[in-house]
Amino acid sequence: MAKDEILSFFVQAANHHDFSTDITLHVKGALVTGTIISAASYFSNLKDSISEENDVAKQLKEALKQAEESADTKQSNAEYIHLKNMSTYMAETKTTPVNSDLLWRGKISEIDGFFLGRISDEE
């Protein structure tokens, strides 16, 4: 499936220029809403969310640190989009909390459409 070049442009702006904006994605009938962040920020936040201090957690943190460093230096085309403070909606049902600290990673080529802005339950 082909990638949306405009969406890829937003992702590359986030990855290489610290650009961030609210966005809502259409993915296989679901809506995913949140704020675009860079791949490096995604891996850093994911690494920081691991609070365990056992051997497995240490290995995960090291792998995420390497992914973060690799994302900082990688100049290739973006394959994934990364969101923070995300929520998902399917039909009329909200399936994740609003105003959450959830991180999300999705393959750009699997996204059916998008609009700038965020869905909110607040009236």
PDB file of N, CA and C in Angstrom:
ATOM      1  N   MET A   1       0.842  -1.180   0.000  1.00  0.00           N
ATOM      2  CA  MET A   1       0.000   0.000   0.000  1.00  0.00           C
ATOM      3  C   MET A   1       0.891   1.248   0.000  1.00  0.00           C
ATOM      4  N   ALA A   2       0.521   2.234  -0.769  1.00  0.00           N
ATOM      5  CA  ALA A   2       1.314   3.467  -0.884  1.00  0.00           C
ATOM      6  C   ALA A   2       1.136   4.347   0.351  1.00  0.00           C
ATOM      7  N   LYS A   3       2.186   5.079   0.660  1.00  0.00           N
ATOM      8  CA  LYS A   3       2.144   6.022   1.778  1.00  0.00           C
ATOM      9  C   LYS A   3       1.589   7.357   1.309  1.00  0.00           C
ATOM     10  N   ASP A   4       0.908   8.036   2.205  1.00  0.00           N
ATOM     11  CA  ASP A   4       0.449   9.400   1.953  1.00  0.00           C
ATOM     12  C   ASP A   4       1.658  10.326   2.088  1.00  0.00           C
ATOM     13  N   GLU A   5       2.054  10.968   1.007  1.00  0.00           N
ATOM     14  CA  GLU A   5       3.258  11.806   1.014  1.00  0.00           C
ATOM     15  C   GLU A   5       3.100  13.048   1.889  1.00  0.00           C
ATOM     16  N   ILE A   6       1.890  13.579   1.985  1.00  0.00           N
ATOM     17  CA  ILE A   6       1.668  14.748   2.846  1.00  0.00           C
ATOM     18  C   ILE A   6       1.834  14.352   4.307  1.00  0.00           C
ATOM     19  N   LEU A   7       1.252  13.221   4.696  1.00  0.00           N
ATOM     20  CA  LEU A   7       1.415  12.733   6.064  1.00  0.00           C
ATOM     21  C   LEU A   7       2.891  12.446   6.343  1.00  0.00           C
ATOM     22  N   SER A   8       3.581  11.861   5.386  1.00  0.00           N
ATOM     23  CA  SER A   8       5.020  11.604   5.540  1.00  0.00           C
ATOM     24  C   SER A   8       5.795  12.902   5.750  1.00  0.00           C
ATOM     25  N   PHE A   9       5.373  13.961   5.081  1.00  0.00           N
ATOM     26  CA  PHE A   9       6.017  15.265   5.248  1.00  0.00           C
ATOM     27  C   PHE A   9       5.871  15.758   6.689  1.00  0.00           C
ATOM     28  N   PHE A  10       4.668  15.628   7.272  1.00  0.00           N
ATOM     29  CA  PHE A  10       4.461  16.025   8.671  1.00  0.00           C
ATOM     30  C   PHE A  10       5.359  15.208   9.601  1.00  0.00           C
ATOM     31  N   VAL A  11       5.457  13.909   9.341  1.00  0.00           N
ATOM     32  CA  VAL A  11       6.283  13.036  10.183  1.00  0.00           C
ATOM     33  C   VAL A  11       7.755  13.414  10.064  1.00  0.00           C
ATOM     34  N   GLN A  12       8.227  13.680   8.862  1.00  0.00           N
ATOM     35  CA  GLN A  12       9.629  14.073   8.700  1.00  0.00           C
ATOM     36  C   GLN A  12       9.902  15.423   9.362  1.00  0.00           C
ATOM     37  N   ALA A  13       8.929  16.329   9.325  1.00  0.00           N
ATOM     38  CA  ALA A  13       9.093  17.612  10.017  1.00  0.00           C
ATOM     39  C   ALA A  13       9.236  17.381  11.517  1.00  0.00           C
ATOM     40  N   ALA A  14       8.477  16.443  12.061  1.00  0.00           N
ATOM     41  CA  ALA A  14       8.599  16.113  13.485  1.00  0.00           C
ATOM     42  C   ALA A  14       9.949  15.466  13.770  1.00  0.00           C
ATOM     43  N   ASN A  15      10.355  14.531  12.921  1.00  0.00           N
ATOM     44  CA  ASN A  15      11.597  13.794  13.155  1.00  0.00           C
ATOM     45  C   ASN A  15      12.845  14.658  13.033  1.00  0.00           C
ATOM     46  N   HIS A  16      12.828  15.628  12.131  1.00  0.00           N
ATOM     47  CA  HIS A  16      14.056  16.372  11.848  1.00  0.00           C
ATOM     48  C   HIS A  16      14.041  17.831  12.286  1.00  0.00           C
ATOM     49  N   HIS A  17      12.863  18.352  12.651  1.00  0.00           N
ATOM     50  CA  HIS A  17      12.781  19.778  12.988  1.00  0.00           C
ATOM     51  C   HIS A  17      11.953  20.053  14.240  1.00  0.00           C
ATOM     52  N   ASP A  18      11.717  19.051  15.074  1.00  0.00           N
ATOM     53  CA  ASP A  18      10.933  19.199  16.308  1.00  0.00           C
ATOM     54  C   ASP A  18       9.559  19.811  16.076  1.00  0.00           C
ATOM     55  N   PHE A  19       8.967  19.564  14.921  1.00  0.00           N
ATOM     56  CA  PHE A  19       7.607  20.012  14.622  1.00  0.00           C
ATOM     57  C   PHE A  19       6.627  19.129  15.379  1.00  0.00           C
ATOM     58  N   SER A  20       5.564  19.724  15.881  1.00  0.00           N
ATOM     59  CA  SER A  20       4.548  18.968  16.600  1.00  0.00           C
ATOM     60  C   SER A  20       3.190  19.599  16.336  1.00  0.00           C
ATOM     61  N   THR A  21       2.185  18.774  16.098  1.00  0.00           N
ATOM     62  CA  THR A  21       0.826  19.278  15.896  1.00  0.00           C
ATOM     63  C   THR A  21      -0.171  18.186  16.252  1.00  0.00           C
ATOM     64  N   ASP A  22      -1.368  18.606  16.620  1.00  0.00           N
ATOM     65  CA  ASP A  22      -2.433  17.645  16.883  1.00  0.00           C
ATOM     66  C   ASP A  22      -2.946  17.094  15.561  1.00  0.00           C
ATOM     67  N   ILE A  23      -3.281  15.808  15.566  1.00  0.00           N
ATOM     68  CA  ILE A  23      -3.722  15.138  14.339  1.00  0.00           C
ATOM     69  C   ILE A  23      -4.687  14.016  14.700  1.00  0.00           C
ATOM     70  N   THR A  24      -5.586  13.722  13.801  1.00  0.00           N
ATOM     71  CA  THR A  24      -6.479  12.573  13.939  1.00  0.00           C
ATOM     72  C   THR A  24      -6.317  11.715  12.692  1.00  0.00           C
ATOM     73  N   LEU A  25      -6.079  10.433  12.915  1.00  0.00           N
ATOM     74  CA  LEU A  25      -5.821   9.484  11.834  1.00  0.00           C
ATOM     75  C   LEU A  25      -6.997   8.524  11.685  1.00  0.00           C
ATOM     76  N   HIS A  26      -7.335   8.175  10.465  1.00  0.00           N
ATOM     77  CA  HIS A  26      -8.314   7.122  10.186  1.00  0.00           C
ATOM     78  C   HIS A  26      -7.518   5.854   9.905  1.00  0.00           C
ATOM     79  N   VAL A  27      -7.710   4.834  10.748  1.00  0.00           N
ATOM     80  CA  VAL A  27      -6.955   3.592  10.608  1.00  0.00           C
ATOM     81  C   VAL A  27      -7.921   2.406  10.676  1.00  0.00           C
ATOM     82  N   LYS A  28      -8.196   1.811   9.534  1.00  0.00           N
ATOM     83  CA  LYS A  28      -9.036   0.603   9.469  1.00  0.00           C
ATOM     84  C   LYS A  28     -10.357   0.763  10.228  1.00  0.00           C
ATOM     85  N   GLY A  29     -11.020   1.882  10.063  1.00  0.00           N
ATOM     86  CA  GLY A  29     -12.315   2.113  10.690  1.00  0.00           C
ATOM     87  C   GLY A  29     -12.255   2.752  12.060  1.00  0.00           C
ATOM     88  N   ALA A  30     -11.081   2.885  12.625  1.00  0.00           N
ATOM     89  CA  ALA A  30     -10.925   3.529  13.932  1.00  0.00           C
ATOM     90  C   ALA A  30     -10.338   4.922  13.738  1.00  0.00           C
ATOM     91  N   LEU A  31     -10.577   5.785  14.702  1.00  0.00           N
ATOM     92  CA  LEU A  31      -9.939   7.098  14.729  1.00  0.00           C
ATOM     93  C   LEU A  31      -8.898   7.088  15.832  1.00  0.00           C
ATOM     94  N   VAL A  32      -7.705   7.518  15.508  1.00  0.00           N
ATOM     95  CA  VAL A  32      -6.614   7.639  16.474  1.00  0.00           C
ATOM     96  C   VAL A  32      -6.259   9.114  16.515  1.00  0.00           C
ATOM     97  N   THR A  33      -6.357   9.726  17.691  1.00  0.00           N
ATOM     98  CA  THR A  33      -6.111  11.156  17.804  1.00  0.00           C
ATOM     99  C   THR A  33      -5.007  11.399  18.819  1.00  0.00           C
ATOM    100  N   GLY A  34      -4.172  12.388  18.570  1.00  0.00           N
ATOM    101  CA  GLY A  34      -3.067  12.698  19.471  1.00  0.00           C
ATOM    102  C   GLY A  34      -2.188  13.775  18.883  1.00  0.00           C
ATOM    103  N   THR A  35      -0.984  13.881  19.409  1.00  0.00           N
ATOM    104  CA  THR A  35      -0.024  14.892  18.979  1.00  0.00           C
ATOM    105  C   THR A  35       1.184  14.205  18.360  1.00  0.00           C
ATOM    106  N   ILE A  36       1.527  14.600  17.134  1.00  0.00           N
ATOM    107  CA  ILE A  36       2.704  14.037  16.465  1.00  0.00           C
ATOM    108  C   ILE A  36       3.962  14.412  17.246  1.00  0.00           C
ATOM    109  N   ILE A  37       4.827  13.430  17.466  1.00  0.00           N
ATOM    110  CA  ILE A  37       6.143  13.671  18.061  1.00  0.00           C
ATOM    111  C   ILE A  37       7.187  12.965  17.199  1.00  0.00           C
ATOM    112  N   SER A  38       8.433  13.305  17.424  1.00  0.00           N
ATOM    113  CA  SER A  38       9.517  12.670  16.675  1.00  0.00           C
ATOM    114  C   SER A  38       9.705  11.229  17.134  1.00  0.00           C
ATOM    115  N   ALA A  39      10.324  10.439  16.291  1.00  0.00           N
ATOM    116  CA  ALA A  39      10.650   9.063  16.657  1.00  0.00           C
ATOM    117  C   ALA A  39      11.573   9.048  17.872  1.00  0.00           C
ATOM    118  N   ALA A  40      12.538   9.976  17.914  1.00  0.00           N
ATOM    119  CA  ALA A  40      13.459  10.036  19.053  1.00  0.00           C
ATOM    120  C   ALA A  40      12.706  10.324  20.347  1.00  0.00           C
ATOM    121  N   SER A  41      11.750  11.252  20.314  1.00  0.00           N
ATOM    122  CA  SER A  41      10.943  11.555  21.509  1.00  0.00           C
ATOM    123  C   SER A  41      10.115  10.349  21.924  1.00  0.00           C
ATOM    124  N   TYR A  42       9.560   9.663  20.945  1.00  0.00           N
ATOM    125  CA  TYR A  42       8.771   8.466  21.229  1.00  0.00           C
ATOM    126  C   TYR A  42       9.615   7.435  21.981  1.00  0.00           C
ATOM    127  N   PHE A  43      10.790   7.117  21.446  1.00  0.00           N
ATOM    128  CA  PHE A  43      11.637   6.112  22.089  1.00  0.00           C
ATOM    129  C   PHE A  43      12.121   6.578  23.456  1.00  0.00           C
ATOM    130  N   SER A  44      12.427   7.854  23.597  1.00  0.00           N
ATOM    131  CA  SER A  44      12.853   8.402  24.883  1.00  0.00           C
ATOM    132  C   SER A  44      11.736   8.295  25.920  1.00  0.00           C
ATOM    133  N   ASN A  45      10.529   8.696  25.547  1.00  0.00           N
ATOM    134  CA  ASN A  45       9.390   8.615  26.470  1.00  0.00           C
ATOM    135  C   ASN A  45       9.058   7.175  26.823  1.00  0.00           C
ATOM    136  N   LEU A  46       9.144   6.283  25.845  1.00  0.00           N
ATOM    137  CA  LEU A  46       8.877   4.871  26.097  1.00  0.00           C
ATOM    138  C   LEU A  46       9.911   4.307  27.069  1.00  0.00           C
ATOM    139  N   LYS A  47      11.166   4.650  26.850  1.00  0.00           N
ATOM    140  CA  LYS A  47      12.252   4.203  27.744  1.00  0.00           C
ATOM    141  C   LYS A  47      12.009   4.713  29.163  1.00  0.00           C
ATOM    142  N   ASP A  48      11.634   5.990  29.291  1.00  0.00           N
ATOM    143  CA  ASP A  48      11.410   6.586  30.609  1.00  0.00           C
ATOM    144  C   ASP A  48      10.196   6.006  31.320  1.00  0.00           C
ATOM    145  N   SER A  49       9.278   5.401  30.581  1.00  0.00           N
ATOM    146  CA  SER A  49       8.073   4.837  31.198  1.00  0.00           C
ATOM    147  C   SER A  49       8.329   3.484  31.858  1.00  0.00           C
ATOM    148  N   ILE A  50       9.475   2.889  31.601  1.00  0.00           N
ATOM    149  CA  ILE A  50       9.804   1.593  32.208  1.00  0.00           C
ATOM    150  C   ILE A  50      10.398   1.851  33.584  1.00  0.00           C
ATOM    151  N   SER A  51       9.651   1.464  34.608  1.00  0.00           N
ATOM    152  CA  SER A  51      10.100   1.754  35.975  1.00  0.00           C
ATOM    153  C   SER A  51      10.782   0.567  36.645  1.00  0.00           C
ATOM    154  N   GLU A  52      10.631  -0.601  36.079  1.00  0.00           N
ATOM    155  CA  GLU A  52      11.271  -1.788  36.648  1.00  0.00           C
ATOM    156  C   GLU A  52      12.794  -1.650  36.594  1.00  0.00           C
ATOM    157  N   GLU A  53      13.471  -2.339  37.485  1.00  0.00           N
ATOM    158  CA  GLU A  53      14.938  -2.290  37.507  1.00  0.00           C
ATOM    159  C   GLU A  53      15.561  -3.680  37.398  1.00  0.00           C
ATOM    160  N   ASN A  54      14.846  -4.631  36.825  1.00  0.00           N
ATOM    161  CA  ASN A  54      15.418  -5.974  36.667  1.00  0.00           C
ATOM    162  C   ASN A  54      16.220  -6.060  35.367  1.00  0.00           C
ATOM    163  N   ASP A  55      16.810  -7.219  35.107  1.00  0.00           N
ATOM    164  CA  ASP A  55      17.676  -7.390  33.930  1.00  0.00           C
ATOM    165  C   ASP A  55      16.930  -7.177  32.616  1.00  0.00           C
ATOM    166  N   VAL A  56      15.711  -7.670  32.535  1.00  0.00           N
ATOM    167  CA  VAL A  56      14.929  -7.509  31.302  1.00  0.00           C
ATOM    168  C   VAL A  56      14.638  -6.033  31.061  1.00  0.00           C
ATOM    169  N   ALA A  57      14.245  -5.318  32.104  1.00  0.00           N
ATOM    170  CA  ALA A  57      13.956  -3.885  31.974  1.00  0.00           C
ATOM    171  C   ALA A  57      15.204  -3.125  31.534  1.00  0.00           C
ATOM    172  N   LYS A  58      16.348  -3.487  32.082  1.00  0.00           N
ATOM    173  CA  LYS A  58      17.598  -2.826  31.691  1.00  0.00           C
ATOM    174  C   LYS A  58      17.910  -3.074  30.215  1.00  0.00           C
ATOM    175  N   GLN A  59      17.672  -4.295  29.742  1.00  0.00           N
ATOM    176  CA  GLN A  59      17.902  -4.607  28.325  1.00  0.00           C
ATOM    177  C   GLN A  59      16.931  -3.833  27.432  1.00  0.00           C
ATOM    178  N   LEU A  60      15.675  -3.748  27.858  1.00  0.00           N
ATOM    179  CA  LEU A  60      14.688  -2.977  27.092  1.00  0.00           C
ATOM    180  C   LEU A  60      15.082  -1.506  27.019  1.00  0.00           C
ATOM    181  N   LYS A  61      15.493  -0.946  28.155  1.00  0.00           N
ATOM    182  CA  LYS A  61      15.899   0.464  28.177  1.00  0.00           C
ATOM    183  C   LYS A  61      17.094   0.708  27.261  1.00  0.00           C
ATOM    184  N   GLU A  62      18.034  -0.217  27.259  1.00  0.00           N
ATOM    185  CA  GLU A  62      19.209  -0.069  26.394  1.00  0.00           C
ATOM    186  C   GLU A  62      18.808  -0.147  24.918  1.00  0.00           C
ATOM    187  N   ALA A  63      17.924  -1.078  24.585  1.00  0.00           N
ATOM    188  CA  ALA A  63      17.457  -1.196  23.192  1.00  0.00           C
ATOM    189  C   ALA A  63      16.712   0.067  22.767  1.00  0.00           C
ATOM    190  N   LEU A  64      15.894   0.622  23.655  1.00  0.00           N
ATOM    191  CA  LEU A  64      15.153   1.848  23.331  1.00  0.00           C
ATOM    192  C   LEU A  64      16.090   3.044  23.220  1.00  0.00           C
ATOM    193  N   LYS A  65      17.136   3.063  24.043  1.00  0.00           N
ATOM    194  CA  LYS A  65      18.127   4.142  23.942  1.00  0.00           C
ATOM    195  C   LYS A  65      18.827   4.087  22.587  1.00  0.00           C
ATOM    196  N   GLN A  66      19.182   2.893  22.148  1.00  0.00           N
ATOM    197  CA  GLN A  66      19.822   2.739  20.837  1.00  0.00           C
ATOM    198  C   GLN A  66      18.872   3.139  19.706  1.00  0.00           C
ATOM    199  N   ALA A  67      17.592   2.784  19.839  1.00  0.00           N
ATOM    200  CA  ALA A  67      16.601   3.174  18.826  1.00  0.00           C
ATOM    201  C   ALA A  67      16.450   4.692  18.786  1.00  0.00           C
ATOM    202  N   GLU A  68      16.467   5.324  19.961  1.00  0.00           N
ATOM    203  CA  GLU A  68      16.377   6.787  20.037  1.00  0.00           C
ATOM    204  C   GLU A  68      17.567   7.436  19.335  1.00  0.00           C
ATOM    205  N   GLU A  69      18.771   6.937  19.613  1.00  0.00           N
ATOM    206  CA  GLU A  69      19.973   7.491  18.990  1.00  0.00           C
ATOM    207  C   GLU A  69      19.961   7.261  17.479  1.00  0.00           C
ATOM    208  N   SER A  70      19.499   6.101  17.058  1.00  0.00           N
ATOM    209  CA  SER A  70      19.408   5.797  15.630  1.00  0.00           C
ATOM    210  C   SER A  70      18.393   6.706  14.945  1.00  0.00           C
ATOM    211  N   ALA A  71      17.284   6.973  15.606  1.00  0.00           N
ATOM    212  CA  ALA A  71      16.248   7.851  15.036  1.00  0.00           C
ATOM    213  C   ALA A  71      16.775   9.264  14.864  1.00  0.00           C
ATOM    214  N   ASP A  72      17.644   9.701  15.773  1.00  0.00           N
ATOM    215  CA  ASP A  72      18.213  11.049  15.686  1.00  0.00           C
ATOM    216  C   ASP A  72      19.110  11.219  14.465  1.00  0.00           C
ATOM    217  N   THR A  73      19.780  10.147  14.048  1.00  0.00           N
ATOM    218  CA  THR A  73      20.745  10.264  12.956  1.00  0.00           C
ATOM    219  C   THR A  73      20.194   9.793  11.615  1.00  0.00           C
ATOM    220  N   LYS A  74      19.084   9.107  11.632  1.00  0.00           N
ATOM    221  CA  LYS A  74      18.532   8.528  10.406  1.00  0.00           C
ATOM    222  C   LYS A  74      17.902   9.611   9.538  1.00  0.00           C
ATOM    223  N   GLN A  75      18.285   9.661   8.275  1.00  0.00           N
ATOM    224  CA  GLN A  75      17.773  10.665   7.346  1.00  0.00           C
ATOM    225  C   GLN A  75      16.849  10.065   6.290  1.00  0.00           C
ATOM    226  N   SER A  76      16.498   8.799   6.419  1.00  0.00           N
ATOM    227  CA  SER A  76      15.683   8.151   5.392  1.00  0.00           C
ATOM    228  C   SER A  76      14.214   8.550   5.512  1.00  0.00           C
ATOM    229  N   ASN A  77      13.431   8.090   4.565  1.00  0.00           N
ATOM    230  CA  ASN A  77      11.998   8.365   4.586  1.00  0.00           C
ATOM    231  C   ASN A  77      11.348   7.748   5.815  1.00  0.00           C
ATOM    232  N   ALA A  78      10.374   8.441   6.348  1.00  0.00           N
ATOM    233  CA  ALA A  78       9.665   7.959   7.525  1.00  0.00           C
ATOM    234  C   ALA A  78       8.752   6.797   7.150  1.00  0.00           C
ATOM    235  N   GLU A  79       8.750   5.764   7.952  1.00  0.00           N
ATOM    236  CA  GLU A  79       7.865   4.617   7.766  1.00  0.00           C
ATOM    237  C   GLU A  79       6.774   4.583   8.829  1.00  0.00           C
ATOM    238  N   TYR A  80       7.033   5.208   9.980  1.00  0.00           N
ATOM    239  CA  TYR A  80       6.115   5.166  11.113  1.00  0.00           C
ATOM    240  C   TYR A  80       5.810   6.572  11.593  1.00  0.00           C
ATOM    241  N   ILE A  81       4.611   6.743  12.132  1.00  0.00           N
ATOM    242  CA  ILE A  81       4.208   7.987  12.771  1.00  0.00           C
ATOM    243  C   ILE A  81       4.097   7.710  14.267  1.00  0.00           C
ATOM    244  N   HIS A  82       4.478   8.695  15.076  1.00  0.00           N
ATOM    245  CA  HIS A  82       4.479   8.544  16.527  1.00  0.00           C
ATOM    246  C   HIS A  82       3.618   9.637  17.141  1.00  0.00           C
ATOM    247  N   LEU A  83       2.745   9.228  18.063  1.00  0.00           N
ATOM    248  CA  LEU A  83       1.856  10.171  18.737  1.00  0.00           C
ATOM    249  C   LEU A  83       2.027  10.069  20.241  1.00  0.00           C
ATOM    250  N   LYS A  84       1.792  11.197  20.918  1.00  0.00           N
ATOM    251  CA  LYS A  84       1.692  11.197  22.377  1.00  0.00           C
ATOM    252  C   LYS A  84       0.286  11.666  22.732  1.00  0.00           C
ATOM    253  N   ASN A  85      -0.104  11.414  23.966  1.00  0.00           N
ATOM    254  CA  ASN A  85      -1.421  11.819  24.470  1.00  0.00           C
ATOM    255  C   ASN A  85      -2.529  11.351  23.534  1.00  0.00           C
ATOM    256  N   MET A  86      -2.443  10.099  23.127  1.00  0.00           N
ATOM    257  CA  MET A  86      -3.380   9.586  22.125  1.00  0.00           C
ATOM    258  C   MET A  86      -4.625   8.976  22.751  1.00  0.00           C
ATOM    259  N   SER A  87      -5.666   8.988  21.969  1.00  0.00           N
ATOM    260  CA  SER A  87      -6.919   8.305  22.289  1.00  0.00           C
ATOM    261  C   SER A  87      -7.407   7.642  21.009  1.00  0.00           C
ATOM    262  N   THR A  88      -8.161   6.558  21.158  1.00  0.00           N
ATOM    263  CA  THR A  88      -8.748   5.913  19.989  1.00  0.00           C
ATOM    264  C   THR A  88     -10.261   5.882  20.133  1.00  0.00           C
ATOM    265  N   TYR A  89     -10.925   5.927  19.012  1.00  0.00           N
ATOM    266  CA  TYR A  89     -12.383   5.884  18.964  1.00  0.00           C
ATOM    267  C   TYR A  89     -12.796   4.907  17.876  1.00  0.00           C
ATOM    268  N   MET A  90     -13.755   4.055  18.201  1.00  0.00           N
ATOM    269  CA  MET A  90     -14.330   3.146  17.210  1.00  0.00           C
ATOM    270  C   MET A  90     -15.835   3.356  17.248  1.00  0.00           C
ATOM    271  N   ALA A  91     -16.404   3.699  16.105  1.00  0.00           N
ATOM    272  CA  ALA A  91     -17.827   4.046  16.006  1.00  0.00           C
ATOM    273  C   ALA A  91     -18.111   5.149  17.018  1.00  0.00           C
ATOM    274  N   GLU A  92     -19.039   4.927  17.930  1.00  0.00           N
ATOM    275  CA  GLU A  92     -19.359   5.963  18.914  1.00  0.00           C
ATOM    276  C   GLU A  92     -18.749   5.661  20.272  1.00  0.00           C
ATOM    277  N   THR A  93     -17.882   4.683  20.347  1.00  0.00           N
ATOM    278  CA  THR A  93     -17.309   4.271  21.615  1.00  0.00           C
ATOM    279  C   THR A  93     -15.878   4.760  21.738  1.00  0.00           C
ATOM    280  N   LYS A  94     -15.606   5.483  22.809  1.00  0.00           N
ATOM    281  CA  LYS A  94     -14.231   5.888  23.097  1.00  0.00           C
ATOM    282  C   LYS A  94     -13.556   4.685  23.740  1.00  0.00           C
ATOM    283  N   THR A  95     -12.420   4.265  23.221  1.00  0.00           N
ATOM    284  CA  THR A  95     -11.806   3.036  23.720  1.00  0.00           C
ATOM    285  C   THR A  95     -10.548   3.256  24.550  1.00  0.00           C
ATOM    286  N   THR A  96     -10.019   4.452  24.583  1.00  0.00           N
ATOM    287  CA  THR A  96      -8.901   4.749  25.476  1.00  0.00           C
ATOM    288  C   THR A  96      -9.182   6.075  26.162  1.00  0.00           C
ATOM    289  N   PRO A  97      -8.577   6.308  27.304  1.00  0.00           N
ATOM    290  CA  PRO A  97      -8.853   7.540  28.040  1.00  0.00           C
ATOM    291  C   PRO A  97      -8.405   8.789  27.289  1.00  0.00           C
ATOM    292  N   VAL A  98      -9.179   9.841  27.430  1.00  0.00           N
ATOM    293  CA  VAL A  98      -8.791  11.147  26.911  1.00  0.00           C
ATOM    294  C   VAL A  98      -7.818  11.754  27.915  1.00  0.00           C
ATOM    295  N   ASN A  99      -6.946  12.636  27.446  1.00  0.00           N
ATOM    296  CA  ASN A  99      -5.945  13.284  28.293  1.00  0.00           C
ATOM    297  C   ASN A  99      -5.022  12.268  28.956  1.00  0.00           C
ATOM    298  N   SER A 100      -4.759  11.185  28.273  1.00  0.00           N
ATOM    299  CA  SER A 100      -3.852  10.177  28.808  1.00  0.00           C
ATOM    300  C   SER A 100      -2.439  10.457  28.322  1.00  0.00           C
ATOM    301  N   ASP A 101      -1.492   9.780  28.925  1.00  0.00           N
ATOM    302  CA  ASP A 101      -0.096   9.913  28.514  1.00  0.00           C
ATOM    303  C   ASP A 101       0.297   8.784  27.565  1.00  0.00           C
ATOM    304  N   LEU A 102      -0.670   8.172  26.918  1.00  0.00           N
ATOM    305  CA  LEU A 102      -0.374   7.029  26.058  1.00  0.00           C
ATOM    306  C   LEU A 102       0.426   7.435  24.833  1.00  0.00           C
ATOM    307  N   LEU A 103       1.382   6.584  24.494  1.00  0.00           N
ATOM    308  CA  LEU A 103       2.167   6.740  23.269  1.00  0.00           C
ATOM    309  C   LEU A 103       1.615   5.778  22.230  1.00  0.00           C
ATOM    310  N   TRP A 104       1.754   6.140  20.963  1.00  0.00           N
ATOM    311  CA  TRP A 104       1.255   5.293  19.874  1.00  0.00           C
ATOM    312  C   TRP A 104       2.224   5.353  18.713  1.00  0.00           C
ATOM    313  N   ARG A 105       2.415   4.210  18.054  1.00  0.00           N
ATOM    314  CA  ARG A 105       3.276   4.111  16.866  1.00  0.00           C
ATOM    315  C   ARG A 105       2.498   3.350  15.806  1.00  0.00           C
ATOM    316  N   GLY A 106       2.408   3.925  14.625  1.00  0.00           N
ATOM    317  CA  GLY A 106       1.672   3.276  13.552  1.00  0.00           C
ATOM    318  C   GLY A 106       2.412   3.377  12.233  1.00  0.00           C
ATOM    319  N   LYS A 107       2.189   2.410  11.378  1.00  0.00           N
ATOM    320  CA  LYS A 107       2.823   2.378  10.063  1.00  0.00           C
ATOM    321  C   LYS A 107       2.081   3.337   9.132  1.00  0.00           C
ATOM    322  N   ILE A 108       2.798   4.268   8.550  1.00  0.00           N
ATOM    323  CA  ILE A 108       2.184   5.294   7.707  1.00  0.00           C
ATOM    324  C   ILE A 108       1.407   4.671   6.552  1.00  0.00           C
ATOM    325  N   SER A 109       1.921   3.619   5.974  1.00  0.00           N
ATOM    326  CA  SER A 109       1.256   3.008   4.814  1.00  0.00           C
ATOM    327  C   SER A 109      -0.069   2.334   5.173  1.00  0.00           C
ATOM    328  N   GLU A 110      -0.356   2.152   6.454  1.00  0.00           N
ATOM    329  CA  GLU A 110      -1.605   1.528   6.894  1.00  0.00           C
ATOM    330  C   GLU A 110      -2.670   2.554   7.273  1.00  0.00           C
ATOM    331  N   ILE A 111      -2.354   3.833   7.165  1.00  0.00           N
ATOM    332  CA  ILE A 111      -3.289   4.893   7.543  1.00  0.00           C
ATOM    333  C   ILE A 111      -4.128   5.268   6.326  1.00  0.00           C
ATOM    334  N   ASP A 112      -5.451   5.270   6.519  1.00  0.00           N
ATOM    335  CA  ASP A 112      -6.382   5.525   5.421  1.00  0.00           C
ATOM    336  C   ASP A 112      -6.589   7.010   5.146  1.00  0.00           C
ATOM    337  N   GLY A 113      -6.434   7.850   6.147  1.00  0.00           N
ATOM    338  CA  GLY A 113      -6.636   9.282   5.977  1.00  0.00           C
ATOM    339  C   GLY A 113      -6.329  10.010   7.273  1.00  0.00           C
ATOM    340  N   PHE A 114      -6.351  11.337   7.222  1.00  0.00           N
ATOM    341  CA  PHE A 114      -6.076  12.114   8.428  1.00  0.00           C
ATOM    342  C   PHE A 114      -6.658  13.507   8.290  1.00  0.00           C
ATOM    343  N   PHE A 115      -6.799  14.178   9.455  1.00  0.00           N
ATOM    344  CA  PHE A 115      -7.057  15.613   9.459  1.00  0.00           C
ATOM    345  C   PHE A 115      -6.290  16.220  10.612  1.00  0.00           C
ATOM    346  N   LEU A 116      -5.922  17.477  10.451  1.00  0.00           N
ATOM    347  CA  LEU A 116      -5.216  18.172  11.517  1.00  0.00           C
ATOM    348  C   LEU A 116      -6.226  18.577  12.573  1.00  0.00           C
ATOM    349  N   GLY A 117      -5.851  18.400  13.819  1.00  0.00           N
ATOM    350  CA  GLY A 117      -6.737  18.678  14.936  1.00  0.00           C
ATOM    351  C   GLY A 117      -6.983  17.404  15.712  1.00  0.00           C
ATOM    352  N   ARG A 118      -7.574  17.577  16.843  1.00  0.00           N
ATOM    353  CA  ARG A 118      -7.728  16.485  17.785  1.00  0.00           C
ATOM    354  C   ARG A 118      -9.193  16.333  18.163  1.00  0.00           C
ATOM    355  N   ILE A 119      -9.648  15.123  18.324  1.00  0.00           N
ATOM    356  CA  ILE A 119     -11.002  14.865  18.813  1.00  0.00           C
ATOM    357  C   ILE A 119     -10.971  14.969  20.332  1.00  0.00           C
ATOM    358  N   SER A 120     -11.977  15.617  20.889  1.00  0.00           N
ATOM    359  CA  SER A 120     -12.037  15.780  22.337  1.00  0.00           C
ATOM    360  C   SER A 120     -13.453  15.522  22.817  1.00  0.00           C
ATOM    361  N   ASP A 121     -13.574  14.943  24.000  1.00  0.00           N
ATOM    362  CA  ASP A 121     -14.888  14.725  24.613  1.00  0.00           C
ATOM    363  C   ASP A 121     -15.381  15.971  25.330  1.00  0.00           C
ATOM    364  N   GLU A 122     -14.498  16.929  25.527  1.00  0.00           N
ATOM    365  CA  GLU A 122     -14.869  18.129  26.268  1.00  0.00           C
ATOM    366  C   GLU A 122     -15.850  18.954  25.458  1.00  0.00           C
ATOM    367  N   GLU A 123     -16.832  19.509  26.156  1.00  0.00           N
ATOM    368  CA  GLU A 123     -17.839  20.330  25.466  1.00  0.00           C
ATOM    369  C   GLU A 123     -17.615  21.789  25.720  1.00  0.00           C
TER     370      GLU A 123
END
